[in-house]
Amino acid sequence: MSVDQQSERRRMLSDEERAVKMQELMDSGPLPTIQESIDAFRRDLPELLKTHPGKWVAYHGHERLGVGKTQTELYQQGFRRGLTQNDFIVGFVEPGAFDPDEQFEVTSWDV
């Protein structure tokens, strides 16, 4: 086996190991900070529906980062604070938002 073939084999094993670790993370549920953020959003939702219906709200753990008119505005605010996409959530204030039975997909945002 040539040196290039050995390097490629190591890289492939590394890719496979990364894929296994990624699957384990996905199967383990939300990251703790994200879960705290979702819990805080749910906790505050009744009041948010009275004070900010139809707006976007961002949470980092139990801290509300802000309320805004657009999702992009709040993502940018979080990034300016040095947070990564895995550190906070942005949700729309509407009845049933982040319902425990709701299946939602985490996506990346180009903001």
PDB file of N, CA and C in Angstrom:
ATOM      1  N   MET A   1       0.857  -1.170   0.000  1.00  0.00           N
ATOM      2  CA  MET A   1       0.000   0.000   0.000  1.00  0.00           C
ATOM      3  C   MET A   1       0.907   1.238   0.000  1.00  0.00           C
ATOM      4  N   SER A   2       0.618   2.157  -0.898  1.00  0.00           N
ATOM      5  CA  SER A   2       1.440   3.366  -1.006  1.00  0.00           C
ATOM      6  C   SER A   2       1.139   4.322   0.147  1.00  0.00           C
ATOM      7  N   VAL A   3       2.004   5.322   0.292  1.00  0.00           N
ATOM      8  CA  VAL A   3       1.818   6.344   1.332  1.00  0.00           C
ATOM      9  C   VAL A   3       0.514   7.097   1.098  1.00  0.00           C
ATOM     10  N   ASP A   4       0.206   7.424  -0.169  1.00  0.00           N
ATOM     11  CA  ASP A   4      -1.042   8.125  -0.483  1.00  0.00           C
ATOM     12  C   ASP A   4      -2.265   7.275  -0.120  1.00  0.00           C
ATOM     13  N   GLN A   5      -2.196   5.977  -0.384  1.00  0.00           N
ATOM     14  CA  GLN A   5      -3.304   5.089  -0.054  1.00  0.00           C
ATOM     15  C   GLN A   5      -3.487   4.980   1.461  1.00  0.00           C
ATOM     16  N   GLN A   6      -2.381   4.949   2.187  1.00  0.00           N
ATOM     17  CA  GLN A   6      -2.455   4.897   3.642  1.00  0.00           C
ATOM     18  C   GLN A   6      -3.063   6.183   4.197  1.00  0.00           C
ATOM     19  N   SER A   7      -2.651   7.317   3.642  1.00  0.00           N
ATOM     20  CA  SER A   7      -3.201   8.612   4.085  1.00  0.00           C
ATOM     21  C   SER A   7      -4.697   8.682   3.811  1.00  0.00           C
ATOM     22  N   GLU A   8      -5.093   8.218   2.622  1.00  0.00           N
ATOM     23  CA  GLU A   8      -6.508   8.224   2.261  1.00  0.00           C
ATOM     24  C   GLU A   8      -7.299   7.306   3.191  1.00  0.00           C
ATOM     25  N   ARG A   9      -6.745   6.160   3.518  1.00  0.00           N
ATOM     26  CA  ARG A   9      -7.417   5.218   4.427  1.00  0.00           C
ATOM     27  C   ARG A   9      -7.601   5.843   5.804  1.00  0.00           C
ATOM     28  N   ARG A  10      -6.550   6.517   6.319  1.00  0.00           N
ATOM     29  CA  ARG A  10      -6.660   7.190   7.622  1.00  0.00           C
ATOM     30  C   ARG A  10      -7.716   8.290   7.573  1.00  0.00           C
ATOM     31  N   ARG A  11      -7.739   9.043   6.471  1.00  0.00           N
ATOM     32  CA  ARG A  11      -8.723  10.108   6.335  1.00  0.00           C
ATOM     33  C   ARG A  11     -10.132   9.532   6.305  1.00  0.00           C
ATOM     34  N   MET A  12     -10.334   8.437   5.592  1.00  0.00           N
ATOM     35  CA  MET A  12     -11.649   7.809   5.511  1.00  0.00           C
ATOM     36  C   MET A  12     -12.088   7.301   6.877  1.00  0.00           C
ATOM     37  N   LEU A  13     -11.186   6.682   7.613  1.00  0.00           N
ATOM     38  CA  LEU A  13     -11.531   6.224   8.956  1.00  0.00           C
ATOM     39  C   LEU A  13     -11.892   7.408   9.835  1.00  0.00           C
ATOM     40  N   SER A  14     -11.151   8.467   9.693  1.00  0.00           N
ATOM     41  CA  SER A  14     -11.428   9.668  10.462  1.00  0.00           C
ATOM     42  C   SER A  14     -12.816  10.215  10.111  1.00  0.00           C
ATOM     43  N   ASP A  15     -13.155  10.234   8.820  1.00  0.00           N
ATOM     44  CA  ASP A  15     -14.472  10.688   8.389  1.00  0.00           C
ATOM     45  C   ASP A  15     -15.570   9.788   8.964  1.00  0.00           C
ATOM     46  N   GLU A  16     -15.328   8.496   8.958  1.00  0.00           N
ATOM     47  CA  GLU A  16     -16.311   7.561   9.505  1.00  0.00           C
ATOM     48  C   GLU A  16     -16.483   7.779  11.007  1.00  0.00           C
ATOM     49  N   GLU A  17     -15.379   7.978  11.713  1.00  0.00           N
ATOM     50  CA  GLU A  17     -15.446   8.235  13.150  1.00  0.00           C
ATOM     51  C   GLU A  17     -16.220   9.523  13.425  1.00  0.00           C
ATOM     52  N   ARG A  18     -15.964  10.547  12.620  1.00  0.00           N
ATOM     53  CA  ARG A  18     -16.697  11.814  12.791  1.00  0.00           C
ATOM     54  C   ARG A  18     -18.187  11.610  12.555  1.00  0.00           C
ATOM     55  N   ALA A  19     -18.518  10.816  11.550  1.00  0.00           N
ATOM     56  CA  ALA A  19     -19.925  10.559  11.255  1.00  0.00           C
ATOM     57  C   ALA A  19     -20.601   9.843  12.418  1.00  0.00           C
ATOM     58  N   VAL A  20     -19.914   8.885  13.036  1.00  0.00           N
ATOM     59  CA  VAL A  20     -20.464   8.164  14.194  1.00  0.00           C
ATOM     60  C   VAL A  20     -20.679   9.126  15.352  1.00  0.00           C
ATOM     61  N   LYS A  21     -19.687   9.983  15.621  1.00  0.00           N
ATOM     62  CA  LYS A  21     -19.810  10.949  16.723  1.00  0.00           C
ATOM     63  C   LYS A  21     -20.953  11.930  16.459  1.00  0.00           C
ATOM     64  N   MET A  22     -21.102  12.376  15.201  1.00  0.00           N
ATOM     65  CA  MET A  22     -22.178  13.296  14.850  1.00  0.00           C
ATOM     66  C   MET A  22     -23.541  12.634  15.077  1.00  0.00           C
ATOM     67  N   GLN A  23     -23.656  11.379  14.685  1.00  0.00           N
ATOM     68  CA  GLN A  23     -24.916  10.658  14.890  1.00  0.00           C
ATOM     69  C   GLN A  23     -25.223  10.516  16.377  1.00  0.00           C
ATOM     70  N   GLU A  24     -24.199  10.230  17.180  1.00  0.00           N
ATOM     71  CA  GLU A  24     -24.402  10.122  18.628  1.00  0.00           C
ATOM     72  C   GLU A  24     -24.901  11.446  19.198  1.00  0.00           C
ATOM     73  N   LEU A  25     -24.323  12.550  18.746  1.00  0.00           N
ATOM     74  CA  LEU A  25     -24.781  13.868  19.206  1.00  0.00           C
ATOM     75  C   LEU A  25     -26.227  14.116  18.817  1.00  0.00           C
ATOM     76  N   MET A  26     -26.570  13.787  17.579  1.00  0.00           N
ATOM     77  CA  MET A  26     -27.935  14.017  17.106  1.00  0.00           C
ATOM     78  C   MET A  26     -28.932  13.167  17.876  1.00  0.00           C
ATOM     79  N   ASP A  27     -28.538  11.956  18.222  1.00  0.00           N
ATOM     80  CA  ASP A  27     -29.428  11.052  18.950  1.00  0.00           C
ATOM     81  C   ASP A  27     -29.573  11.440  20.422  1.00  0.00           C
ATOM     82  N   SER A  28     -28.634  12.213  20.943  1.00  0.00           N
ATOM     83  CA  SER A  28     -28.652  12.555  22.365  1.00  0.00           C
ATOM     84  C   SER A  28     -29.598  13.702  22.704  1.00  0.00           C
ATOM     85  N   GLY A  29     -30.183  14.357  21.709  1.00  0.00           N
ATOM     86  CA  GLY A  29     -31.107  15.455  21.962  1.00  0.00           C
ATOM     87  C   GLY A  29     -30.392  16.787  21.898  1.00  0.00           C
ATOM     88  N   PRO A  30     -31.121  17.857  22.208  1.00  0.00           N
ATOM     89  CA  PRO A  30     -30.540  19.198  22.111  1.00  0.00           C
ATOM     90  C   PRO A  30     -29.368  19.380  23.074  1.00  0.00           C
ATOM     91  N   LEU A  31     -28.461  20.257  22.708  1.00  0.00           N
ATOM     92  CA  LEU A  31     -27.377  20.634  23.605  1.00  0.00           C
ATOM     93  C   LEU A  31     -27.981  21.258  24.855  1.00  0.00           C
ATOM     94  N   PRO A  32     -27.336  21.123  26.010  1.00  0.00           N
ATOM     95  CA  PRO A  32     -27.911  21.643  27.259  1.00  0.00           C
ATOM     96  C   PRO A  32     -28.298  23.127  27.193  1.00  0.00           C
ATOM     97  N   THR A  33     -27.461  23.962  26.612  1.00  0.00           N
ATOM     98  CA  THR A  33     -27.793  25.389  26.532  1.00  0.00           C
ATOM     99  C   THR A  33     -29.010  25.615  25.653  1.00  0.00           C
ATOM    100  N   ILE A  34     -29.104  24.868  24.569  1.00  0.00           N
ATOM    101  CA  ILE A  34     -30.266  25.000  23.684  1.00  0.00           C
ATOM    102  C   ILE A  34     -31.528  24.545  24.416  1.00  0.00           C
ATOM    103  N   GLN A  35     -31.442  23.449  25.161  1.00  0.00           N
ATOM    104  CA  GLN A  35     -32.609  22.983  25.916  1.00  0.00           C
ATOM    105  C   GLN A  35     -33.024  24.025  26.949  1.00  0.00           C
ATOM    106  N   GLU A  36     -32.061  24.631  27.633  1.00  0.00           N
ATOM    107  CA  GLU A  36     -32.380  25.704  28.595  1.00  0.00           C
ATOM    108  C   GLU A  36     -33.061  26.872  27.883  1.00  0.00           C
ATOM    109  N   SER A  37     -32.584  27.193  26.690  1.00  0.00           N
ATOM    110  CA  SER A  37     -33.169  28.293  25.917  1.00  0.00           C
ATOM    111  C   SER A  37     -34.614  27.985  25.543  1.00  0.00           C
ATOM    112  N   ILE A  38     -34.849  26.759  25.097  1.00  0.00           N
ATOM    113  CA  ILE A  38     -36.214  26.346  24.737  1.00  0.00           C
ATOM    114  C   ILE A  38     -37.110  26.390  25.967  1.00  0.00           C
ATOM    115  N   ASP A  39     -36.617  25.903  27.098  1.00  0.00           N
ATOM    116  CA  ASP A  39     -37.400  25.920  28.338  1.00  0.00           C
ATOM    117  C   ASP A  39     -37.747  27.349  28.741  1.00  0.00           C
ATOM    118  N   ALA A  40     -36.794  28.270  28.615  1.00  0.00           N
ATOM    119  CA  ALA A  40     -37.043  29.673  28.964  1.00  0.00           C
ATOM    120  C   ALA A  40     -38.074  30.284  28.026  1.00  0.00           C
ATOM    121  N   PHE A  41     -37.969  29.976  26.736  1.00  0.00           N
ATOM    122  CA  PHE A  41     -38.949  30.473  25.769  1.00  0.00           C
ATOM    123  C   PHE A  41     -40.345  29.981  26.134  1.00  0.00           C
ATOM    124  N   ARG A  42     -40.473  28.684  26.409  1.00  0.00           N
ATOM    125  CA  ARG A  42     -41.776  28.120  26.794  1.00  0.00           C
ATOM    126  C   ARG A  42     -42.301  28.764  28.074  1.00  0.00           C
ATOM    127  N   ARG A  43     -41.417  28.968  29.037  1.00  0.00           N
ATOM    128  CA  ARG A  43     -41.799  29.585  30.315  1.00  0.00           C
ATOM    129  C   ARG A  43     -42.367  30.979  30.086  1.00  0.00           C
ATOM    130  N   ASP A  44     -41.725  31.744  29.209  1.00  0.00           N
ATOM    131  CA  ASP A  44     -42.110  33.136  28.976  1.00  0.00           C
ATOM    132  C   ASP A  44     -43.198  33.308  27.928  1.00  0.00           C
ATOM    133  N   LEU A  45     -43.534  32.253  27.188  1.00  0.00           N
ATOM    134  CA  LEU A  45     -44.467  32.390  26.073  1.00  0.00           C
ATOM    135  C   LEU A  45     -45.806  33.036  26.447  1.00  0.00           C
ATOM    136  N   PRO A  46     -46.452  32.662  27.534  1.00  0.00           N
ATOM    137  CA  PRO A  46     -47.731  33.315  27.846  1.00  0.00           C
ATOM    138  C   PRO A  46     -47.600  34.845  27.940  1.00  0.00           C
ATOM    139  N   GLU A  47     -46.554  35.325  28.586  1.00  0.00           N
ATOM    140  CA  GLU A  47     -46.348  36.773  28.689  1.00  0.00           C
ATOM    141  C   GLU A  47     -45.951  37.369  27.342  1.00  0.00           C
ATOM    142  N   LEU A  48     -45.109  36.673  26.597  1.00  0.00           N
ATOM    143  CA  LEU A  48     -44.699  37.164  25.280  1.00  0.00           C
ATOM    144  C   LEU A  48     -45.898  37.304  24.341  1.00  0.00           C
ATOM    145  N   LEU A  49     -46.844  36.380  24.439  1.00  0.00           N
ATOM    146  CA  LEU A  49     -48.044  36.469  23.600  1.00  0.00           C
ATOM    147  C   LEU A  49     -48.855  37.726  23.897  1.00  0.00           C
ATOM    148  N   LYS A  50     -48.775  38.213  25.130  1.00  0.00           N
ATOM    149  CA  LYS A  50     -49.473  39.449  25.500  1.00  0.00           C
ATOM    150  C   LYS A  50     -48.692  40.692  25.081  1.00  0.00           C
ATOM    151  N   THR A  51     -47.361  40.628  25.225  1.00  0.00           N
ATOM    152  CA  THR A  51     -46.550  41.830  25.027  1.00  0.00           C
ATOM    153  C   THR A  51     -45.874  41.927  23.655  1.00  0.00           C
ATOM    154  N   HIS A  52     -45.597  40.783  23.019  1.00  0.00           N
ATOM    155  CA  HIS A  52     -44.855  40.799  21.754  1.00  0.00           C
ATOM    156  C   HIS A  52     -45.390  39.780  20.733  1.00  0.00           C
ATOM    157  N   PRO A  53     -46.699  39.705  20.530  1.00  0.00           N
ATOM    158  CA  PRO A  53     -47.207  38.723  19.566  1.00  0.00           C
ATOM    159  C   PRO A  53     -46.697  39.043  18.159  1.00  0.00           C
ATOM    160  N   GLY A  54     -46.358  37.995  17.417  1.00  0.00           N
ATOM    161  CA  GLY A  54     -45.905  38.188  16.044  1.00  0.00           C
ATOM    162  C   GLY A  54     -44.479  38.707  15.912  1.00  0.00           C
ATOM    163  N   LYS A  55     -43.739  38.708  16.998  1.00  0.00           N
ATOM    164  CA  LYS A  55     -42.337  39.149  16.972  1.00  0.00           C
ATOM    165  C   LYS A  55     -41.432  37.930  17.127  1.00  0.00           C
ATOM    166  N   TRP A  56     -40.149  38.155  16.948  1.00  0.00           N
ATOM    167  CA  TRP A  56     -39.129  37.131  17.147  1.00  0.00           C
ATOM    168  C   TRP A  56     -38.436  37.405  18.468  1.00  0.00           C
ATOM    169  N   VAL A  57     -38.021  36.334  19.139  1.00  0.00           N
ATOM    170  CA  VAL A  57     -37.331  36.478  20.425  1.00  0.00           C
ATOM    171  C   VAL A  57     -36.152  35.509  20.455  1.00  0.00           C
ATOM    172  N   ALA A  58     -35.052  35.965  21.056  1.00  0.00           N
ATOM    173  CA  ALA A  58     -33.848  35.132  21.147  1.00  0.00           C
ATOM    174  C   ALA A  58     -33.523  34.857  22.608  1.00  0.00           C
ATOM    175  N   TYR A  59     -33.080  33.624  22.868  1.00  0.00           N
ATOM    176  CA  TYR A  59     -32.681  33.204  24.217  1.00  0.00           C
ATOM    177  C   TYR A  59     -31.327  32.507  24.163  1.00  0.00           C
ATOM    178  N   HIS A  60     -30.530  32.805  25.168  1.00  0.00           N
ATOM    179  CA  HIS A  60     -29.275  32.093  25.425  1.00  0.00           C
ATOM    180  C   HIS A  60     -29.405  31.547  26.836  1.00  0.00           C
ATOM    181  N   GLY A  61     -29.652  30.242  26.931  1.00  0.00           N
ATOM    182  CA  GLY A  61     -29.946  29.665  28.239  1.00  0.00           C
ATOM    183  C   GLY A  61     -31.222  30.311  28.771  1.00  0.00           C
ATOM    184  N   HIS A  62     -31.172  30.762  30.015  1.00  0.00           N
ATOM    185  CA  HIS A  62     -32.354  31.382  30.609  1.00  0.00           C
ATOM    186  C   HIS A  62     -32.423  32.881  30.352  1.00  0.00           C
ATOM    187  N   GLU A  63     -31.436  33.423  29.652  1.00  0.00           N
ATOM    188  CA  GLU A  63     -31.390  34.866  29.385  1.00  0.00           C
ATOM    189  C   GLU A  63     -32.068  35.193  28.059  1.00  0.00           C
ATOM    190  N   ARG A  64     -32.979  36.149  28.099  1.00  0.00           N
ATOM    191  CA  ARG A  64     -33.579  36.652  26.868  1.00  0.00           C
ATOM    192  C   ARG A  64     -32.617  37.675  26.274  1.00  0.00           C
ATOM    193  N   LEU A  65     -32.167  37.403  25.061  1.00  0.00           N
ATOM    194  CA  LEU A  65     -31.222  38.303  24.400  1.00  0.00           C
ATOM    195  C   LEU A  65     -31.904  39.513  23.791  1.00  0.00           C
ATOM    196  N   GLY A  66     -33.125  39.318  23.325  1.00  0.00           N
ATOM    197  CA  GLY A  66     -33.830  40.435  22.721  1.00  0.00           C
ATOM    198  C   GLY A  66     -35.083  39.999  22.008  1.00  0.00           C
ATOM    199  N   VAL A  67     -35.849  40.995  21.606  1.00  0.00           N
ATOM    200  CA  VAL A  67     -37.071  40.814  20.838  1.00  0.00           C
ATOM    201  C   VAL A  67     -36.932  41.692  19.605  1.00  0.00           C
ATOM    202  N   GLY A  68     -37.343  41.189  18.446  1.00  0.00           N
ATOM    203  CA  GLY A  68     -37.199  41.975  17.232  1.00  0.00           C
ATOM    204  C   GLY A  68     -38.234  41.640  16.185  1.00  0.00           C
ATOM    205  N   LYS A  69     -38.175  42.405  15.105  1.00  0.00           N
ATOM    206  CA  LYS A  69     -39.122  42.218  14.009  1.00  0.00           C
ATOM    207  C   LYS A  69     -38.718  41.084  13.081  1.00  0.00           C
ATOM    208  N   THR A  70     -37.397  40.790  13.024  1.00  0.00           N
ATOM    209  CA  THR A  70     -36.950  39.747  12.107  1.00  0.00           C
ATOM    210  C   THR A  70     -36.040  38.743  12.809  1.00  0.00           C
ATOM    211  N   GLN A  71     -36.052  37.564  12.281  1.00  0.00           N
ATOM    212  CA  GLN A  71     -35.204  36.490  12.768  1.00  0.00           C
ATOM    213  C   GLN A  71     -33.725  36.861  12.538  1.00  0.00           C
ATOM    214  N   THR A  72     -33.441  37.394  11.385  1.00  0.00           N
ATOM    215  CA  THR A  72     -32.072  37.769  11.029  1.00  0.00           C
ATOM    216  C   THR A  72     -31.497  38.775  12.014  1.00  0.00           C
ATOM    217  N   GLU A  73     -32.295  39.763  12.377  1.00  0.00           N
ATOM    218  CA  GLU A  73     -31.863  40.787  13.340  1.00  0.00           C
ATOM    219  C   GLU A  73     -31.388  40.147  14.646  1.00  0.00           C
ATOM    220  N   LEU A  74     -32.109  39.149  15.117  1.00  0.00           N
ATOM    221  CA  LEU A  74     -31.760  38.515  16.389  1.00  0.00           C
ATOM    222  C   LEU A  74     -30.567  37.579  16.263  1.00  0.00           C
ATOM    223  N   TYR A  75     -30.454  36.891  15.133  1.00  0.00           N
ATOM    224  CA  TYR A  75     -29.248  36.078  14.927  1.00  0.00           C
ATOM    225  C   TYR A  75     -28.018  36.977  14.897  1.00  0.00           C
ATOM    226  N   GLN A  76     -28.099  38.077  14.197  1.00  0.00           N
ATOM    227  CA  GLN A  76     -26.964  39.000  14.137  1.00  0.00           C
ATOM    228  C   GLN A  76     -26.622  39.537  15.523  1.00  0.00           C
ATOM    229  N   GLN A  77     -27.634  39.823  16.315  1.00  0.00           N
ATOM    230  CA  GLN A  77     -27.404  40.298  17.685  1.00  0.00           C
ATOM    231  C   GLN A  77     -26.651  39.252  18.503  1.00  0.00           C
ATOM    232  N   GLY A  78     -27.058  37.996  18.390  1.00  0.00           N
ATOM    233  CA  GLY A  78     -26.376  36.924  19.109  1.00  0.00           C
ATOM    234  C   GLY A  78     -24.937  36.758  18.650  1.00  0.00           C
ATOM    235  N   PHE A  79     -24.719  36.818  17.343  1.00  0.00           N
ATOM    236  CA  PHE A  79     -23.365  36.674  16.808  1.00  0.00           C
ATOM    237  C   PHE A  79     -22.477  37.837  17.247  1.00  0.00           C
ATOM    238  N   ARG A  80     -23.036  39.043  17.304  1.00  0.00           N
ATOM    239  CA  ARG A  80     -22.264  40.204  17.780  1.00  0.00           C
ATOM    240  C   ARG A  80     -21.828  40.021  19.234  1.00  0.00           C
ATOM    241  N   ARG A  81     -22.589  39.264  19.999  1.00  0.00           N
ATOM    242  CA  ARG A  81     -22.218  38.980  21.396  1.00  0.00           C
ATOM    243  C   ARG A  81     -21.175  37.878  21.500  1.00  0.00           C
ATOM    244  N   GLY A  82     -20.779  37.336  20.366  1.00  0.00           N
ATOM    245  CA  GLY A  82     -19.773  36.282  20.366  1.00  0.00           C
ATOM    246  C   GLY A  82     -20.349  34.888  20.501  1.00  0.00           C
ATOM    247  N   LEU A  83     -21.662  34.757  20.410  1.00  0.00           N
ATOM    248  CA  LEU A  83     -22.299  33.449  20.511  1.00  0.00           C
ATOM    249  C   LEU A  83     -22.260  32.757  19.153  1.00  0.00           C
ATOM    250  N   THR A  84     -22.294  31.441  19.180  1.00  0.00           N
ATOM    251  CA  THR A  84     -22.397  30.677  17.949  1.00  0.00           C
ATOM    252  C   THR A  84     -23.841  30.208  17.799  1.00  0.00           C
ATOM    253  N   GLN A  85     -24.142  29.673  16.657  1.00  0.00           N
ATOM    254  CA  GLN A  85     -25.493  29.183  16.389  1.00  0.00           C
ATOM    255  C   GLN A  85     -25.912  28.101  17.369  1.00  0.00           C
ATOM    256  N   ASN A  86     -24.957  27.399  17.964  1.00  0.00           N
ATOM    257  CA  ASN A  86     -25.254  26.341  18.934  1.00  0.00           C
ATOM    258  C   ASN A  86     -25.433  26.873  20.348  1.00  0.00           C
ATOM    259  N   ASP A  87     -25.344  28.187  20.525  1.00  0.00           N
ATOM    260  CA  ASP A  87     -25.421  28.794  21.854  1.00  0.00           C
ATOM    261  C   ASP A  87     -26.773  29.420  22.168  1.00  0.00           C
ATOM    262  N   PHE A  88     -27.619  29.634  21.154  1.00  0.00           N
ATOM    263  CA  PHE A  88     -28.879  30.332  21.403  1.00  0.00           C
ATOM    264  C   PHE A  88     -29.936  29.921  20.385  1.00  0.00           C
ATOM    265  N   ILE A  89     -31.179  30.284  20.708  1.00  0.00           N
ATOM    266  CA  ILE A  89     -32.293  30.010  19.794  1.00  0.00           C
ATOM    267  C   ILE A  89     -32.983  31.308  19.450  1.00  0.00           C
ATOM    268  N   VAL A  90     -33.659  31.293  18.326  1.00  0.00           N
ATOM    269  CA  VAL A  90     -34.531  32.394  17.923  1.00  0.00           C
ATOM    270  C   VAL A  90     -35.864  31.757  17.580  1.00  0.00           C
ATOM    271  N   GLY A  91     -36.927  32.242  18.217  1.00  0.00           N
ATOM    272  CA  GLY A  91     -38.247  31.682  17.977  1.00  0.00           C
ATOM    273  C   GLY A  91     -39.275  32.756  17.711  1.00  0.00           C
ATOM    274  N   PHE A  92     -40.337  32.377  17.018  1.00  0.00           N
ATOM    275  CA  PHE A  92     -41.431  33.286  16.691  1.00  0.00           C
ATOM    276  C   PHE A  92     -42.486  33.199  17.778  1.00  0.00           C
ATOM    277  N   VAL A  93     -42.948  34.332  18.230  1.00  0.00           N
ATOM    278  CA  VAL A  93     -43.937  34.380  19.310  1.00  0.00           C
ATOM    279  C   VAL A  93     -45.320  34.123  18.714  1.00  0.00           C
ATOM    280  N   GLU A  94     -45.782  32.892  18.913  1.00  0.00           N
ATOM    281  CA  GLU A  94     -47.103  32.475  18.460  1.00  0.00           C
ATOM    282  C   GLU A  94     -47.569  31.335  19.357  1.00  0.00           C
ATOM    283  N   PRO A  95     -48.877  31.128  19.458  1.00  0.00           N
ATOM    284  CA  PRO A  95     -49.358  30.024  20.291  1.00  0.00           C
ATOM    285  C   PRO A  95     -48.756  28.695  19.826  1.00  0.00           C
ATOM    286  N   GLY A  96     -48.317  27.887  20.778  1.00  0.00           N
ATOM    287  CA  GLY A  96     -47.772  26.573  20.474  1.00  0.00           C
ATOM    288  C   GLY A  96     -46.312  26.571  20.055  1.00  0.00           C
ATOM    289  N   ALA A  97     -45.654  27.719  20.074  1.00  0.00           N
ATOM    290  CA  ALA A  97     -44.248  27.774  19.664  1.00  0.00           C
ATOM    291  C   ALA A  97     -43.395  26.883  20.567  1.00  0.00           C
ATOM    292  N   PHE A  98     -42.506  26.124  19.976  1.00  0.00           N
ATOM    293  CA  PHE A  98     -41.633  25.190  20.690  1.00  0.00           C
ATOM    294  C   PHE A  98     -42.432  24.221  21.559  1.00  0.00           C
ATOM    295  N   ASP A  99     -43.573  23.806  21.047  1.00  0.00           N
ATOM    296  CA  ASP A  99     -44.385  22.790  21.714  1.00  0.00           C
ATOM    297  C   ASP A  99     -43.530  21.545  21.926  1.00  0.00           C
ATOM    298  N   PRO A 100     -43.597  20.929  23.097  1.00  0.00           N
ATOM    299  CA  PRO A 100     -42.758  19.739  23.365  1.00  0.00           C
ATOM    300  C   PRO A 100     -42.954  18.606  22.362  1.00  0.00           C
ATOM    301  N   ASP A 101     -44.147  18.508  21.763  1.00  0.00           N
ATOM    302  CA  ASP A 101     -44.414  17.443  20.799  1.00  0.00           C
ATOM    303  C   ASP A 101     -44.007  17.816  19.374  1.00  0.00           C
ATOM    304  N   GLU A 102     -43.653  19.076  19.172  1.00  0.00           N
ATOM    305  CA  GLU A 102     -43.282  19.547  17.841  1.00  0.00           C
ATOM    306  C   GLU A 102     -41.904  19.008  17.457  1.00  0.00           C
ATOM    307  N   GLN A 103     -41.798  18.500  16.258  1.00  0.00           N
ATOM    308  CA  GLN A 103     -40.508  18.087  15.717  1.00  0.00           C
ATOM    309  C   GLN A 103     -39.991  19.253  14.889  1.00  0.00           C
ATOM    310  N   PHE A 104     -38.827  19.760  15.238  1.00  0.00           N
ATOM    311  CA  PHE A 104     -38.272  20.848  14.451  1.00  0.00           C
ATOM    312  C   PHE A 104     -36.850  20.513  14.052  1.00  0.00           C
ATOM    313  N   GLU A 105     -36.464  21.124  12.952  1.00  0.00           N
ATOM    314  CA  GLU A 105     -35.169  20.834  12.364  1.00  0.00           C
ATOM    315  C   GLU A 105     -34.232  22.011  12.613  1.00  0.00           C
ATOM    316  N   VAL A 106     -33.024  21.710  13.040  1.00  0.00           N
ATOM    317  CA  VAL A 106     -32.024  22.746  13.220  1.00  0.00           C
ATOM    318  C   VAL A 106     -31.360  22.979  11.884  1.00  0.00           C
ATOM    319  N   THR A 107     -31.344  24.229  11.455  1.00  0.00           N
ATOM    320  CA  THR A 107     -30.740  24.565  10.173  1.00  0.00           C
ATOM    321  C   THR A 107     -29.694  25.642  10.380  1.00  0.00           C
ATOM    322  N   SER A 108     -28.871  25.830   9.377  1.00  0.00           N
ATOM    323  CA  SER A 108     -27.905  26.926   9.455  1.00  0.00           C
ATOM    324  C   SER A 108     -28.499  28.123   8.727  1.00  0.00           C
ATOM    325  N   TRP A 109     -28.146  29.286   9.202  1.00  0.00           N
ATOM    326  CA  TRP A 109     -28.675  30.525   8.641  1.00  0.00           C
ATOM    327  C   TRP A 109     -27.547  31.337   8.062  1.00  0.00           C
ATOM    328  N   ASP A 110     -27.757  31.848   6.898  1.00  0.00           N
ATOM    329  CA  ASP A 110     -26.796  32.746   6.276  1.00  0.00           C
ATOM    330  C   ASP A 110     -27.272  34.164   6.545  1.00  0.00           C
ATOM    331  N   VAL A 111     -26.750  34.765   7.594  1.00  0.00           N
ATOM    332  CA  VAL A 111     -27.160  36.127   7.962  1.00  0.00           C
ATOM    333  C   VAL A 111     -25.967  37.036   7.958  1.00  0.00           C
TER     334      VAL A 111
END
